Amino acid sequence: LGTLTVTNPTGPGWVTAYPCALNRPLASNINFAAGQTIADAVAVQPDSGGNLCFYTSAATDIIWDQAAETAIASHNATRLLDTRGTG
């Protein structure tokens, strides 16, 4: 469980978060427009190695703030991905 933020997209598109060891699903977690900054809560289970993958259909910066490791045990939010040049 975490917050997925998209910022500085070059065009309209979408992002999907998924366990890296599995095939990418055909559904998006967040949709965005050019120049938009948008965030949403996303529930995604990491693969057995603890890895998450993010696929985006348009060039954009992605920020992932992980809020929980499981549905039961939560902890303080931790930024695990920030693709911005300053991230």
N, C-alpha and C. Protein backbone atom coordinates (compact mmCIF):
# COMPACT_ATOMS: atom_id res chain seq x y z
N LEU A 1 0.86 -1.18 0.00
CA LEU A 1 0.00 0.00 0.00
C LEU A 1 0.89 1.22 0.00
N GLY A 2 0.56 2.18 -0.86
CA GLY A 2 1.34 3.40 -0.90
C GLY A 2 0.64 4.47 -1.69
N THR A 3 1.34 5.59 -1.87
CA THR A 3 0.83 6.69 -2.67
C THR A 3 1.67 6.79 -3.93
N LEU A 4 1.02 6.70 -5.07
CA LEU A 4 1.67 6.84 -6.36
C LEU A 4 1.39 8.26 -6.85
N THR A 5 2.45 9.00 -7.14
CA THR A 5 2.32 10.36 -7.64
C THR A 5 2.97 10.45 -9.01
N VAL A 6 2.28 11.10 -9.93
CA VAL A 6 2.79 11.37 -11.27
C VAL A 6 2.94 12.88 -11.37
N THR A 7 4.10 13.34 -11.88
CA THR A 7 4.31 14.77 -12.05
C THR A 7 5.14 15.03 -13.31
N ASN A 8 4.91 16.14 -13.93
CA ASN A 8 5.61 16.57 -15.14
C ASN A 8 5.42 15.65 -16.35
N PRO A 9 4.24 15.08 -16.58
CA PRO A 9 4.08 14.25 -17.77
C PRO A 9 4.13 15.08 -19.04
N THR A 10 4.73 14.49 -20.09
CA THR A 10 4.85 15.20 -21.37
C THR A 10 3.57 15.11 -22.20
N GLY A 11 2.70 14.19 -21.85
CA GLY A 11 1.44 14.01 -22.56
C GLY A 11 0.48 13.22 -21.71
N PRO A 12 -0.72 12.99 -22.19
CA PRO A 12 -1.68 12.19 -21.44
C PRO A 12 -1.23 10.74 -21.39
N GLY A 13 -1.60 10.05 -20.32
CA GLY A 13 -1.22 8.65 -20.21
C GLY A 13 -1.71 8.00 -18.94
N TRP A 14 -1.04 6.91 -18.57
CA TRP A 14 -1.43 6.14 -17.39
C TRP A 14 -0.22 5.39 -16.84
N VAL A 15 -0.33 4.99 -15.57
CA VAL A 15 0.72 4.21 -14.90
C VAL A 15 0.08 2.99 -14.27
N THR A 16 0.78 1.87 -14.36
CA THR A 16 0.38 0.64 -13.70
C THR A 16 1.49 0.20 -12.76
N ALA A 17 1.15 -0.10 -11.51
CA ALA A 17 2.09 -0.66 -10.54
C ALA A 17 1.77 -2.15 -10.40
N TYR A 18 2.82 -2.98 -10.36
CA TYR A 18 2.58 -4.42 -10.30
C TYR A 18 3.81 -5.15 -9.77
N PRO A 19 3.64 -6.39 -9.28
CA PRO A 19 4.78 -7.19 -8.83
C PRO A 19 5.66 -7.52 -10.04
N CYS A 20 6.95 -7.24 -9.97
CA CYS A 20 7.85 -7.41 -11.12
C CYS A 20 7.87 -8.84 -11.65
N ALA A 21 7.70 -9.84 -10.80
CA ALA A 21 7.79 -11.24 -11.22
C ALA A 21 6.54 -11.69 -12.00
N LEU A 22 5.50 -10.88 -12.04
CA LEU A 22 4.28 -11.23 -12.74
C LEU A 22 4.14 -10.41 -14.01
N ASN A 23 3.29 -10.86 -14.92
CA ASN A 23 3.01 -10.08 -16.12
C ASN A 23 2.30 -8.79 -15.75
N ARG A 24 2.57 -7.74 -16.51
CA ARG A 24 1.92 -6.46 -16.27
C ARG A 24 0.43 -6.59 -16.53
N PRO A 25 -0.41 -6.13 -15.58
CA PRO A 25 -1.86 -6.19 -15.79
C PRO A 25 -2.30 -5.21 -16.87
N LEU A 26 -3.49 -5.41 -17.38
CA LEU A 26 -4.03 -4.58 -18.44
C LEU A 26 -4.87 -3.43 -17.90
N ALA A 27 -4.70 -3.09 -16.65
CA ALA A 27 -5.45 -2.00 -16.03
C ALA A 27 -4.46 -0.96 -15.48
N SER A 28 -4.90 0.29 -15.40
CA SER A 28 -4.03 1.33 -14.86
C SER A 28 -4.39 1.61 -13.40
N ASN A 29 -3.41 2.13 -12.66
CA ASN A 29 -3.65 2.57 -11.29
C ASN A 29 -3.93 4.06 -11.23
N ILE A 30 -3.40 4.78 -12.21
CA ILE A 30 -3.60 6.23 -12.22
C ILE A 30 -3.54 6.72 -13.66
N ASN A 31 -4.41 7.65 -14.01
CA ASN A 31 -4.46 8.26 -15.34
C ASN A 31 -4.11 9.74 -15.19
N PHE A 32 -3.45 10.32 -16.20
CA PHE A 32 -3.02 11.71 -16.07
C PHE A 32 -3.09 12.42 -17.41
N ALA A 33 -3.07 13.76 -17.32
CA ALA A 33 -3.04 14.63 -18.50
C ALA A 33 -1.68 15.31 -18.57
N ALA A 34 -1.33 15.86 -19.71
CA ALA A 34 -0.05 16.56 -19.88
C ALA A 34 0.09 17.66 -18.84
N GLY A 35 1.26 17.73 -18.20
CA GLY A 35 1.55 18.78 -17.24
C GLY A 35 0.90 18.62 -15.88
N GLN A 36 0.11 17.60 -15.68
CA GLN A 36 -0.65 17.41 -14.44
C GLN A 36 0.21 16.75 -13.37
N THR A 37 -0.01 17.12 -12.12
CA THR A 37 0.52 16.38 -10.98
C THR A 37 -0.68 15.77 -10.28
N ILE A 38 -0.66 14.45 -10.13
CA ILE A 38 -1.80 13.74 -9.56
C ILE A 38 -1.29 12.58 -8.70
N ALA A 39 -1.98 12.32 -7.61
CA ALA A 39 -1.59 11.24 -6.70
C ALA A 39 -2.81 10.41 -6.33
N ASP A 40 -2.57 9.15 -6.00
CA ASP A 40 -3.65 8.27 -5.59
C ASP A 40 -3.08 7.15 -4.73
N ALA A 41 -3.88 6.64 -3.81
CA ALA A 41 -3.49 5.48 -3.02
C ALA A 41 -3.57 4.24 -3.90
N VAL A 42 -2.55 3.39 -3.80
CA VAL A 42 -2.48 2.19 -4.62
C VAL A 42 -2.15 1.00 -3.72
N ALA A 43 -2.92 -0.06 -3.86
CA ALA A 43 -2.64 -1.30 -3.14
C ALA A 43 -2.05 -2.29 -4.13
N VAL A 44 -0.79 -2.63 -3.94
CA VAL A 44 -0.11 -3.58 -4.82
C VAL A 44 0.83 -4.43 -3.96
N GLN A 45 0.82 -5.72 -4.20
CA GLN A 45 1.64 -6.66 -3.45
C GLN A 45 2.98 -6.84 -4.16
N PRO A 46 4.11 -6.60 -3.48
CA PRO A 46 5.41 -6.85 -4.12
C PRO A 46 5.57 -8.33 -4.45
N ASP A 47 6.49 -8.64 -5.38
CA ASP A 47 6.76 -10.04 -5.68
C ASP A 47 7.53 -10.68 -4.54
N SER A 48 7.88 -11.95 -4.66
CA SER A 48 8.53 -12.68 -3.57
C SER A 48 9.88 -12.08 -3.20
N GLY A 49 10.50 -11.32 -4.10
CA GLY A 49 11.77 -10.65 -3.81
C GLY A 49 11.58 -9.25 -3.24
N GLY A 50 10.31 -8.84 -3.04
CA GLY A 50 10.01 -7.52 -2.50
C GLY A 50 10.03 -6.41 -3.54
N ASN A 51 9.96 -6.77 -4.83
CA ASN A 51 10.08 -5.79 -5.91
C ASN A 51 8.73 -5.37 -6.49
N LEU A 52 8.63 -4.08 -6.79
CA LEU A 52 7.49 -3.52 -7.50
C LEU A 52 8.00 -2.92 -8.79
N CYS A 53 7.20 -3.02 -9.85
CA CYS A 53 7.51 -2.39 -11.12
C CYS A 53 6.44 -1.37 -11.44
N PHE A 54 6.83 -0.35 -12.19
CA PHE A 54 5.92 0.71 -12.62
C PHE A 54 6.06 0.86 -14.12
N TYR A 55 4.94 0.79 -14.83
CA TYR A 55 4.93 0.98 -16.27
C TYR A 55 4.14 2.24 -16.56
N THR A 56 4.69 3.12 -17.37
CA THR A 56 3.99 4.32 -17.76
C THR A 56 3.89 4.40 -19.28
N SER A 57 2.76 4.87 -19.76
CA SER A 57 2.52 4.94 -21.20
C SER A 57 3.03 6.24 -21.81
N ALA A 58 3.47 7.19 -21.00
CA ALA A 58 4.01 8.46 -21.48
C ALA A 58 5.15 8.88 -20.56
N ALA A 59 6.08 9.65 -21.09
CA ALA A 59 7.20 10.13 -20.27
C ALA A 59 6.69 10.99 -19.12
N THR A 60 7.10 10.63 -17.91
CA THR A 60 6.67 11.35 -16.71
C THR A 60 7.61 11.01 -15.56
N ASP A 61 7.56 11.80 -14.51
CA ASP A 61 8.25 11.46 -13.28
C ASP A 61 7.27 10.73 -12.38
N ILE A 62 7.79 9.72 -11.67
CA ILE A 62 6.96 8.91 -10.78
C ILE A 62 7.55 8.98 -9.38
N ILE A 63 6.68 9.14 -8.39
CA ILE A 63 7.08 9.12 -6.99
C ILE A 63 6.26 8.04 -6.31
N TRP A 64 6.92 7.15 -5.56
CA TRP A 64 6.25 6.09 -4.81
C TRP A 64 6.59 6.24 -3.35
N ASP A 65 5.59 6.52 -2.52
CA ASP A 65 5.73 6.59 -1.07
C ASP A 65 5.04 5.38 -0.49
N GLN A 66 5.83 4.42 -0.01
CA GLN A 66 5.25 3.20 0.54
C GLN A 66 4.75 3.46 1.95
N ALA A 67 3.50 3.09 2.19
CA ALA A 67 2.87 3.34 3.48
C ALA A 67 2.75 2.09 4.33
N ALA A 68 2.76 0.92 3.71
CA ALA A 68 2.59 -0.33 4.47
C ALA A 68 3.27 -1.46 3.71
N GLU A 69 3.77 -2.43 4.47
CA GLU A 69 4.40 -3.60 3.86
C GLU A 69 3.39 -4.72 3.66
N THR A 70 2.38 -4.77 4.50
CA THR A 70 1.30 -5.75 4.37
C THR A 70 -0.01 -5.05 4.71
N ALA A 71 -1.09 -5.73 4.48
CA ALA A 71 -2.39 -5.15 4.81
C ALA A 71 -2.58 -5.02 6.32
N ILE A 72 -1.79 -5.75 7.11
CA ILE A 72 -1.96 -5.75 8.56
C ILE A 72 -0.95 -4.85 9.26
N ALA A 73 0.33 -4.98 8.91
CA ALA A 73 1.38 -4.24 9.59
C ALA A 73 1.78 -3.02 8.79
N SER A 74 1.52 -1.85 9.34
CA SER A 74 1.88 -0.63 8.64
C SER A 74 3.01 0.07 9.38
N HIS A 75 3.63 0.98 8.71
CA HIS A 75 4.69 1.78 9.30
C HIS A 75 4.64 3.17 8.69
N ASN A 76 5.53 4.04 9.09
CA ASN A 76 5.56 5.39 8.53
C ASN A 76 5.85 5.32 7.04
N ALA A 77 5.32 6.25 6.30
CA ALA A 77 5.54 6.28 4.85
C ALA A 77 7.02 6.45 4.56
N THR A 78 7.50 5.72 3.55
CA THR A 78 8.89 5.77 3.14
C THR A 78 8.95 5.98 1.64
N ARG A 79 9.65 7.01 1.20
CA ARG A 79 9.79 7.23 -0.25
C ARG A 79 10.79 6.23 -0.80
N LEU A 80 10.31 5.37 -1.70
CA LEU A 80 11.15 4.33 -2.27
C LEU A 80 11.49 4.59 -3.73
N LEU A 81 10.81 5.54 -4.37
CA LEU A 81 11.10 5.86 -5.77
C LEU A 81 10.77 7.30 -6.02
N ASP A 82 11.69 8.00 -6.67
CA ASP A 82 11.45 9.37 -7.11
C ASP A 82 12.30 9.58 -8.35
N THR A 83 11.68 9.61 -9.53
CA THR A 83 12.42 9.69 -10.77
C THR A 83 12.74 11.11 -11.20
N ARG A 84 12.30 12.10 -10.41
CA ARG A 84 12.64 13.48 -10.74
C ARG A 84 14.15 13.67 -10.60
N GLY A 85 14.71 14.60 -11.32
CA GLY A 85 16.14 14.87 -11.26
C GLY A 85 16.61 15.24 -9.87
N THR A 86 15.70 15.78 -9.04
CA THR A 86 16.06 16.18 -7.69
C THR A 86 15.72 15.11 -6.67
N GLY A 87 15.12 13.99 -7.13
CA GLY A 87 14.63 12.95 -6.21
C GLY A 87 15.70 12.05 -5.71
